[in-house]
Amino acid sequence: MKLATLCYVIDKEKKCTLMLHRVKKKNDVHEGKWNGLGGKLENGETPEDCVIREVKEESGLTISSPKLHGFITFPLFDGIDDWYVFVFTAEKFSGELIDSNEGKLEWIQSQRVTDLNLWDGDAIFLEWLNKKNFFSAKFVYENGTLKEHSVNFYD
């Protein structure tokens, strides 16, 4: 079991979302896909600690007040482990972008994010980030193909 975070850094003024094009790492399960920022929780970290650290490591930006929108289960996503992911957005940030070793960082017009080469499930749950409800979801992939998903929304 892997616990992880995923964050979409949003520049409200420019109406852009920071996305990471995964094109640099060898043997990357996400190779060629566009993702938000994030990664695995380290011992003793809260999801908030992790998302702040991961965004800083991957982008050079320091986020504050990340907002937790939901929790997603990805059974055997990488063929080895179940992944449990806390999904955040962050609208408050400072700093300058770095050359990420994870991939190419790019500010994308927010309304165009779902036009990118995303995982099929990402295009579904990205829409939920605009809702006020907290969500708990499960996305089942087999060999990189989304087979099914389910969600519960909470007030």
N, C-alpha and C. Protein backbone atom coordinates (compact mmCIF):
# COMPACT_ATOMS: atom_id res chain seq x y z
N MET A 1 0.84 -1.18 0.00
CA MET A 1 0.00 0.00 0.00
C MET A 1 0.88 1.24 0.00
N LYS A 2 0.55 2.18 -0.85
CA LYS A 2 1.27 3.45 -0.95
C LYS A 2 0.31 4.59 -0.64
N LEU A 3 0.73 5.50 0.25
CA LEU A 3 -0.03 6.72 0.53
C LEU A 3 0.65 7.85 -0.20
N ALA A 4 -0.13 8.66 -0.88
CA ALA A 4 0.45 9.73 -1.69
C ALA A 4 -0.47 10.96 -1.72
N THR A 5 0.09 12.03 -2.26
CA THR A 5 -0.67 13.27 -2.46
C THR A 5 -0.61 13.65 -3.93
N LEU A 6 -1.59 14.45 -4.33
CA LEU A 6 -1.65 14.99 -5.68
C LEU A 6 -2.18 16.41 -5.55
N CYS A 7 -1.49 17.37 -6.16
CA CYS A 7 -1.87 18.77 -6.00
C CYS A 7 -1.92 19.47 -7.35
N TYR A 8 -2.96 20.28 -7.50
CA TYR A 8 -3.09 21.14 -8.67
C TYR A 8 -2.90 22.57 -8.19
N VAL A 9 -1.76 23.18 -8.56
CA VAL A 9 -1.46 24.56 -8.19
C VAL A 9 -2.14 25.45 -9.22
N ILE A 10 -2.96 26.37 -8.72
CA ILE A 10 -3.81 27.19 -9.58
C ILE A 10 -3.46 28.67 -9.42
N ASP A 11 -3.21 29.32 -10.54
CA ASP A 11 -3.03 30.77 -10.56
C ASP A 11 -4.38 31.36 -10.97
N LYS A 12 -5.16 31.81 -9.97
CA LYS A 12 -6.51 32.31 -10.23
C LYS A 12 -6.51 33.54 -11.12
N GLU A 13 -5.49 34.39 -10.93
CA GLU A 13 -5.41 35.63 -11.70
C GLU A 13 -5.26 35.34 -13.20
N LYS A 14 -4.36 34.42 -13.53
CA LYS A 14 -4.09 34.08 -14.93
C LYS A 14 -4.98 32.95 -15.45
N LYS A 15 -5.78 32.36 -14.53
CA LYS A 15 -6.66 31.25 -14.88
C LYS A 15 -5.87 30.09 -15.48
N CYS A 16 -4.76 29.75 -14.79
CA CYS A 16 -3.88 28.67 -15.24
C CYS A 16 -3.66 27.66 -14.12
N THR A 17 -3.35 26.44 -14.52
CA THR A 17 -3.03 25.37 -13.59
C THR A 17 -1.64 24.85 -13.95
N LEU A 18 -0.80 24.65 -12.93
CA LEU A 18 0.54 24.12 -13.17
C LEU A 18 0.46 22.62 -13.37
N MET A 19 0.95 22.16 -14.52
CA MET A 19 0.92 20.74 -14.85
C MET A 19 2.34 20.25 -15.13
N LEU A 20 2.53 18.97 -14.91
CA LEU A 20 3.83 18.34 -15.10
C LEU A 20 3.71 17.30 -16.21
N HIS A 21 4.45 17.50 -17.30
CA HIS A 21 4.48 16.53 -18.40
C HIS A 21 5.58 15.53 -18.09
N ARG A 22 5.20 14.29 -17.83
CA ARG A 22 6.14 13.27 -17.36
C ARG A 22 6.94 12.70 -18.54
N VAL A 23 8.07 13.34 -18.83
CA VAL A 23 8.86 12.95 -20.00
C VAL A 23 10.35 12.75 -19.67
N LYS A 24 10.73 12.76 -18.39
CA LYS A 24 12.14 12.72 -18.06
C LYS A 24 12.64 11.43 -17.41
N LYS A 25 11.79 10.76 -16.64
CA LYS A 25 12.23 9.59 -15.89
C LYS A 25 12.08 8.32 -16.71
N LYS A 26 13.08 7.45 -16.61
CA LYS A 26 13.00 6.16 -17.29
C LYS A 26 12.11 5.23 -16.47
N ASN A 27 11.41 4.34 -17.16
CA ASN A 27 10.52 3.36 -16.53
C ASN A 27 9.47 4.03 -15.65
N ASP A 28 8.96 5.16 -16.08
CA ASP A 28 7.96 5.91 -15.34
C ASP A 28 6.58 5.42 -15.76
N VAL A 29 5.78 4.93 -14.80
CA VAL A 29 4.43 4.45 -15.11
C VAL A 29 3.58 5.57 -15.72
N HIS A 30 3.96 6.82 -15.45
CA HIS A 30 3.23 7.98 -15.96
C HIS A 30 3.85 8.56 -17.24
N GLU A 31 4.82 7.89 -17.84
CA GLU A 31 5.54 8.44 -18.98
C GLU A 31 4.60 8.95 -20.07
N GLY A 32 4.82 10.22 -20.47
CA GLY A 32 4.04 10.84 -21.52
C GLY A 32 2.74 11.48 -21.06
N LYS A 33 2.35 11.21 -19.83
CA LYS A 33 1.10 11.76 -19.28
C LYS A 33 1.38 13.12 -18.63
N TRP A 34 0.33 13.92 -18.51
CA TRP A 34 0.36 15.17 -17.76
C TRP A 34 -0.29 14.91 -16.42
N ASN A 35 0.36 15.38 -15.35
CA ASN A 35 -0.14 15.18 -14.00
C ASN A 35 -0.04 16.47 -13.20
N GLY A 36 -0.75 16.48 -12.07
CA GLY A 36 -0.49 17.48 -11.05
C GLY A 36 0.80 17.09 -10.35
N LEU A 37 1.12 17.77 -9.27
CA LEU A 37 2.35 17.51 -8.52
C LEU A 37 2.04 16.70 -7.27
N GLY A 38 3.01 15.94 -6.83
CA GLY A 38 2.81 15.19 -5.59
C GLY A 38 3.68 13.97 -5.53
N GLY A 39 3.44 13.17 -4.51
CA GLY A 39 4.24 11.96 -4.33
C GLY A 39 3.91 11.29 -3.02
N LYS A 40 4.76 10.34 -2.65
CA LYS A 40 4.53 9.49 -1.49
C LYS A 40 4.78 10.21 -0.17
N LEU A 41 3.93 9.88 0.82
CA LEU A 41 4.13 10.37 2.17
C LEU A 41 5.35 9.70 2.77
N GLU A 42 6.12 10.47 3.52
CA GLU A 42 7.25 9.94 4.27
C GLU A 42 6.80 9.69 5.71
N ASN A 43 7.56 8.87 6.44
CA ASN A 43 7.21 8.56 7.82
C ASN A 43 6.97 9.82 8.63
N GLY A 44 5.86 9.84 9.36
CA GLY A 44 5.55 10.96 10.25
C GLY A 44 4.90 12.15 9.59
N GLU A 45 4.76 12.14 8.26
CA GLU A 45 4.16 13.28 7.57
C GLU A 45 2.64 13.20 7.58
N THR A 46 2.01 14.36 7.66
CA THR A 46 0.59 14.45 7.36
C THR A 46 0.46 14.61 5.85
N PRO A 47 -0.74 14.40 5.31
CA PRO A 47 -0.92 14.67 3.88
C PRO A 47 -0.54 16.11 3.52
N GLU A 48 -0.85 17.07 4.41
CA GLU A 48 -0.51 18.47 4.15
C GLU A 48 1.01 18.68 4.13
N ASP A 49 1.72 18.07 5.09
CA ASP A 49 3.19 18.15 5.09
C ASP A 49 3.74 17.61 3.78
N CYS A 50 3.21 16.48 3.36
CA CYS A 50 3.70 15.82 2.15
C CYS A 50 3.45 16.67 0.91
N VAL A 51 2.23 17.19 0.77
CA VAL A 51 1.93 17.93 -0.46
C VAL A 51 2.77 19.20 -0.54
N ILE A 52 2.99 19.86 0.58
CA ILE A 52 3.83 21.07 0.59
C ILE A 52 5.27 20.71 0.20
N ARG A 53 5.80 19.62 0.77
CA ARG A 53 7.17 19.19 0.46
C ARG A 53 7.30 18.77 -1.00
N GLU A 54 6.35 17.97 -1.48
CA GLU A 54 6.43 17.46 -2.85
C GLU A 54 6.32 18.57 -3.89
N VAL A 55 5.41 19.53 -3.68
CA VAL A 55 5.29 20.64 -4.63
C VAL A 55 6.60 21.43 -4.66
N LYS A 56 7.20 21.66 -3.49
CA LYS A 56 8.48 22.39 -3.43
C LYS A 56 9.58 21.62 -4.17
N GLU A 57 9.67 20.31 -3.92
CA GLU A 57 10.71 19.50 -4.56
C GLU A 57 10.54 19.43 -6.08
N GLU A 58 9.30 19.30 -6.53
CA GLU A 58 9.05 19.11 -7.96
C GLU A 58 8.98 20.40 -8.76
N SER A 59 8.65 21.52 -8.09
CA SER A 59 8.43 22.75 -8.85
C SER A 59 9.26 23.94 -8.39
N GLY A 60 9.75 23.91 -7.15
CA GLY A 60 10.42 25.07 -6.58
C GLY A 60 9.46 26.03 -5.91
N LEU A 61 8.15 25.81 -6.05
CA LEU A 61 7.16 26.70 -5.46
C LEU A 61 6.84 26.28 -4.02
N THR A 62 6.60 27.27 -3.18
CA THR A 62 6.15 27.03 -1.82
C THR A 62 4.67 27.35 -1.76
N ILE A 63 3.87 26.32 -1.47
CA ILE A 63 2.43 26.53 -1.37
C ILE A 63 2.04 26.72 0.09
N SER A 64 0.95 27.46 0.30
CA SER A 64 0.40 27.59 1.64
C SER A 64 -1.11 27.36 1.56
N SER A 65 -1.66 26.87 2.65
CA SER A 65 -3.10 26.60 2.74
C SER A 65 -3.62 25.69 1.64
N PRO A 66 -2.96 24.53 1.39
CA PRO A 66 -3.51 23.62 0.39
C PRO A 66 -4.89 23.15 0.85
N LYS A 67 -5.81 23.01 -0.12
CA LYS A 67 -7.17 22.60 0.18
C LYS A 67 -7.37 21.14 -0.23
N LEU A 68 -7.78 20.31 0.75
CA LEU A 68 -8.05 18.90 0.48
C LEU A 68 -9.46 18.75 -0.08
N HIS A 69 -9.56 18.14 -1.26
CA HIS A 69 -10.85 17.97 -1.93
C HIS A 69 -11.37 16.55 -1.82
N GLY A 70 -10.46 15.59 -1.75
CA GLY A 70 -10.92 14.22 -1.74
C GLY A 70 -9.81 13.21 -1.59
N PHE A 71 -10.23 11.96 -1.64
CA PHE A 71 -9.35 10.82 -1.44
C PHE A 71 -9.68 9.80 -2.52
N ILE A 72 -8.65 9.29 -3.20
CA ILE A 72 -8.87 8.32 -4.28
C ILE A 72 -8.07 7.05 -4.01
N THR A 73 -8.74 5.93 -4.22
CA THR A 73 -8.10 4.62 -4.15
C THR A 73 -7.85 4.14 -5.58
N PHE A 74 -6.60 3.71 -5.83
CA PHE A 74 -6.23 3.13 -7.12
C PHE A 74 -5.73 1.71 -6.86
N PRO A 75 -6.62 0.69 -6.89
CA PRO A 75 -6.17 -0.69 -6.62
C PRO A 75 -5.14 -1.16 -7.65
N LEU A 76 -4.01 -1.64 -7.13
CA LEU A 76 -2.94 -2.21 -7.97
C LEU A 76 -2.61 -1.34 -9.17
N PHE A 77 -2.58 -0.02 -8.97
CA PHE A 77 -2.36 0.91 -10.09
C PHE A 77 -1.09 0.61 -10.86
N ASP A 78 -0.01 0.37 -10.14
CA ASP A 78 1.27 0.09 -10.80
C ASP A 78 1.48 -1.41 -11.01
N GLY A 79 0.45 -2.21 -10.75
CA GLY A 79 0.55 -3.66 -10.89
C GLY A 79 1.15 -4.33 -9.67
N ILE A 80 1.55 -3.53 -8.68
CA ILE A 80 2.20 -4.07 -7.49
C ILE A 80 1.44 -3.67 -6.22
N ASP A 81 1.15 -2.38 -6.09
CA ASP A 81 0.56 -1.85 -4.86
C ASP A 81 -0.75 -1.14 -5.13
N ASP A 82 -1.59 -1.09 -4.09
CA ASP A 82 -2.72 -0.18 -4.07
C ASP A 82 -2.18 1.19 -3.71
N TRP A 83 -2.66 2.22 -4.40
CA TRP A 83 -2.27 3.60 -4.11
C TRP A 83 -3.48 4.32 -3.53
N TYR A 84 -3.26 5.05 -2.45
CA TYR A 84 -4.29 5.85 -1.79
C TYR A 84 -3.81 7.29 -1.85
N VAL A 85 -4.57 8.15 -2.53
CA VAL A 85 -4.09 9.48 -2.88
C VAL A 85 -5.02 10.57 -2.33
N PHE A 86 -4.43 11.51 -1.58
CA PHE A 86 -5.11 12.70 -1.09
C PHE A 86 -5.00 13.77 -2.17
N VAL A 87 -6.13 14.31 -2.64
CA VAL A 87 -6.14 15.25 -3.76
C VAL A 87 -6.37 16.67 -3.25
N PHE A 88 -5.43 17.56 -3.58
CA PHE A 88 -5.43 18.94 -3.13
C PHE A 88 -5.42 19.92 -4.30
N THR A 89 -5.82 21.16 -4.00
CA THR A 89 -5.49 22.31 -4.84
C THR A 89 -4.77 23.31 -3.95
N ALA A 90 -4.02 24.19 -4.59
CA ALA A 90 -3.35 25.28 -3.86
C ALA A 90 -3.41 26.52 -4.73
N GLU A 91 -3.95 27.58 -4.15
CA GLU A 91 -4.05 28.85 -4.87
C GLU A 91 -3.08 29.89 -4.33
N LYS A 92 -2.46 29.61 -3.19
CA LYS A 92 -1.49 30.52 -2.60
C LYS A 92 -0.11 29.89 -2.73
N PHE A 93 0.77 30.59 -3.44
CA PHE A 93 2.11 30.05 -3.66
C PHE A 93 3.09 31.20 -3.89
N SER A 94 4.35 30.87 -3.69
CA SER A 94 5.41 31.84 -3.95
C SER A 94 6.63 31.09 -4.49
N GLY A 95 7.57 31.86 -5.05
CA GLY A 95 8.79 31.25 -5.57
C GLY A 95 8.82 31.24 -7.09
N GLU A 96 9.88 30.67 -7.60
CA GLU A 96 10.11 30.57 -9.04
C GLU A 96 10.19 29.10 -9.44
N LEU A 97 9.65 28.78 -10.61
CA LEU A 97 9.71 27.41 -11.10
C LEU A 97 11.16 26.98 -11.34
N ILE A 98 11.42 25.72 -11.05
CA ILE A 98 12.73 25.12 -11.30
C ILE A 98 12.63 24.19 -12.51
N ASP A 99 13.75 23.66 -12.93
CA ASP A 99 13.79 22.62 -13.96
C ASP A 99 13.58 21.30 -13.22
N SER A 100 12.39 20.77 -13.25
CA SER A 100 12.03 19.58 -12.48
C SER A 100 12.67 18.33 -13.07
N ASN A 101 13.14 17.44 -12.19
CA ASN A 101 13.68 16.17 -12.66
C ASN A 101 12.56 15.15 -12.92
N GLU A 102 11.31 15.52 -12.60
CA GLU A 102 10.16 14.65 -12.82
C GLU A 102 9.62 14.78 -14.24
N GLY A 103 9.81 15.97 -14.84
CA GLY A 103 9.26 16.21 -16.17
C GLY A 103 9.29 17.69 -16.48
N LYS A 104 8.52 18.09 -17.47
CA LYS A 104 8.47 19.49 -17.90
C LYS A 104 7.27 20.17 -17.26
N LEU A 105 7.52 21.24 -16.51
CA LEU A 105 6.46 22.02 -15.88
C LEU A 105 5.92 23.06 -16.85
N GLU A 106 4.59 23.22 -16.84
CA GLU A 106 4.01 24.22 -17.73
C GLU A 106 2.69 24.71 -17.14
N TRP A 107 2.50 26.04 -17.20
CA TRP A 107 1.22 26.63 -16.81
C TRP A 107 0.27 26.46 -17.99
N ILE A 108 -0.85 25.80 -17.74
CA ILE A 108 -1.85 25.50 -18.78
C ILE A 108 -3.13 26.26 -18.43
N GLN A 109 -3.76 26.85 -19.43
CA GLN A 109 -5.05 27.48 -19.19
C GLN A 109 -5.98 26.44 -18.54
N SER A 110 -6.56 26.80 -17.40
CA SER A 110 -7.33 25.83 -16.61
C SER A 110 -8.42 25.13 -17.42
N GLN A 111 -9.09 25.85 -18.30
CA GLN A 111 -10.17 25.22 -19.07
C GLN A 111 -9.64 24.24 -20.11
N ARG A 112 -8.32 24.24 -20.34
CA ARG A 112 -7.72 23.33 -21.34
C ARG A 112 -7.02 22.13 -20.73
N VAL A 113 -6.98 22.05 -19.41
CA VAL A 113 -6.26 20.96 -18.74
C VAL A 113 -6.79 19.59 -19.17
N THR A 114 -8.10 19.45 -19.28
CA THR A 114 -8.64 18.14 -19.65
C THR A 114 -8.42 17.79 -21.12
N ASP A 115 -7.88 18.72 -21.91
CA ASP A 115 -7.51 18.43 -23.30
C ASP A 115 -6.14 17.75 -23.40
N LEU A 116 -5.38 17.75 -22.29
CA LEU A 116 -4.04 17.18 -22.29
C LEU A 116 -4.11 15.65 -22.28
N ASN A 117 -2.97 15.01 -22.48
CA ASN A 117 -2.86 13.56 -22.41
C ASN A 117 -2.81 13.15 -20.93
N LEU A 118 -4.00 13.07 -20.33
CA LEU A 118 -4.14 12.70 -18.92
C LEU A 118 -4.51 11.22 -18.81
N TRP A 119 -4.38 10.67 -17.60
CA TRP A 119 -5.01 9.40 -17.33
C TRP A 119 -6.51 9.62 -17.48
N ASP A 120 -7.24 8.64 -17.98
CA ASP A 120 -8.67 8.80 -18.21
C ASP A 120 -9.41 9.20 -16.93
N GLY A 121 -9.03 8.64 -15.81
CA GLY A 121 -9.68 8.97 -14.55
C GLY A 121 -9.45 10.40 -14.12
N ASP A 122 -8.29 10.96 -14.46
CA ASP A 122 -7.99 12.35 -14.08
C ASP A 122 -9.00 13.31 -14.69
N ALA A 123 -9.37 13.08 -15.93
CA ALA A 123 -10.34 13.95 -16.59
C ALA A 123 -11.69 13.90 -15.88
N ILE A 124 -11.97 12.79 -15.22
CA ILE A 124 -13.22 12.67 -14.46
C ILE A 124 -13.11 13.41 -13.14
N PHE A 125 -12.08 13.12 -12.33
CA PHE A 125 -12.04 13.71 -10.99
C PHE A 125 -11.62 15.18 -10.99
N LEU A 126 -10.97 15.65 -12.03
CA LEU A 126 -10.64 17.08 -12.08
C LEU A 126 -11.90 17.94 -12.05
N GLU A 127 -12.98 17.45 -12.63
CA GLU A 127 -14.25 18.17 -12.60
C GLU A 127 -14.78 18.30 -11.17
N TRP A 128 -14.47 17.32 -10.33
CA TRP A 128 -14.96 17.33 -8.95
C TRP A 128 -14.29 18.39 -8.10
N LEU A 129 -13.14 18.89 -8.53
CA LEU A 129 -12.43 19.90 -7.74
C LEU A 129 -13.19 21.22 -7.69
N ASN A 130 -14.13 21.41 -8.59
CA ASN A 130 -14.95 22.63 -8.61
C ASN A 130 -16.19 22.51 -7.73
N LYS A 131 -16.43 21.32 -7.21
CA LYS A 131 -17.59 21.12 -6.34
C LYS A 131 -17.20 21.46 -4.90
N LYS A 132 -18.20 21.73 -4.08
CA LYS A 132 -17.94 22.02 -2.67
C LYS A 132 -17.86 20.75 -1.85
N ASN A 133 -18.34 19.64 -2.39
CA ASN A 133 -18.37 18.39 -1.65
C ASN A 133 -17.02 17.69 -1.62
N PHE A 134 -16.71 17.10 -0.48
CA PHE A 134 -15.54 16.23 -0.35
C PHE A 134 -15.90 14.91 -1.04
N PHE A 135 -14.93 14.27 -1.69
CA PHE A 135 -15.21 13.01 -2.37
C PHE A 135 -14.27 11.90 -1.93
N SER A 136 -14.78 10.69 -2.03
CA SER A 136 -14.00 9.48 -1.85
C SER A 136 -14.30 8.62 -3.06
N ALA A 137 -13.27 8.25 -3.80
CA ALA A 137 -13.48 7.56 -5.07
C ALA A 137 -12.54 6.38 -5.23
N LYS A 138 -12.89 5.53 -6.17
CA LYS A 138 -12.02 4.42 -6.55
C LYS A 138 -11.97 4.37 -8.07
N PHE A 139 -10.74 4.29 -8.60
CA PHE A 139 -10.52 4.16 -10.03
C PHE A 139 -9.72 2.88 -10.26
N VAL A 140 -10.29 1.98 -11.05
CA VAL A 140 -9.66 0.69 -11.31
C VAL A 140 -9.08 0.70 -12.73
N TYR A 141 -7.77 0.53 -12.81
CA TYR A 141 -7.07 0.44 -14.09
C TYR A 141 -6.54 -0.98 -14.28
N GLU A 142 -6.53 -1.43 -15.52
CA GLU A 142 -5.87 -2.68 -15.89
C GLU A 142 -4.99 -2.38 -17.08
N ASN A 143 -3.70 -2.62 -16.94
CA ASN A 143 -2.73 -2.36 -18.01
C ASN A 143 -2.87 -0.96 -18.58
N GLY A 144 -3.05 0.03 -17.70
CA GLY A 144 -3.11 1.42 -18.12
C GLY A 144 -4.45 1.89 -18.65
N THR A 145 -5.46 1.01 -18.66
CA THR A 145 -6.78 1.35 -19.15
C THR A 145 -7.76 1.42 -17.99
N LEU A 146 -8.52 2.51 -17.93
CA LEU A 146 -9.54 2.65 -16.89
C LEU A 146 -10.66 1.67 -17.15
N LYS A 147 -10.93 0.80 -16.18
CA LYS A 147 -11.98 -0.22 -16.32
C LYS A 147 -13.28 0.20 -15.64
N GLU A 148 -13.16 0.88 -14.49
CA GLU A 148 -14.35 1.31 -13.78
C GLU A 148 -13.97 2.34 -12.73
N HIS A 149 -14.98 3.09 -12.29
CA HIS A 149 -14.75 4.00 -11.18
C HIS A 149 -16.05 4.20 -10.42
N SER A 150 -15.91 4.61 -9.17
CA SER A 150 -17.07 4.91 -8.34
C SER A 150 -16.70 6.07 -7.42
N VAL A 151 -17.72 6.79 -6.93
CA VAL A 151 -17.45 7.95 -6.07
C VAL A 151 -18.59 8.14 -5.08
N ASN A 152 -18.24 8.65 -3.91
CA ASN A 152 -19.19 9.13 -2.92
C ASN A 152 -18.84 10.58 -2.62
N PHE A 153 -19.86 11.44 -2.55
CA PHE A 153 -19.66 12.85 -2.20
C PHE A 153 -20.23 13.08 -0.80
N TYR A 154 -19.56 13.93 -0.04
CA TYR A 154 -19.96 14.22 1.32
C TYR A 154 -20.13 15.73 1.52
N ASP A 155 -21.10 16.09 2.34
CA ASP A 155 -21.32 17.52 2.64
C ASP A 155 -20.27 18.03 3.60
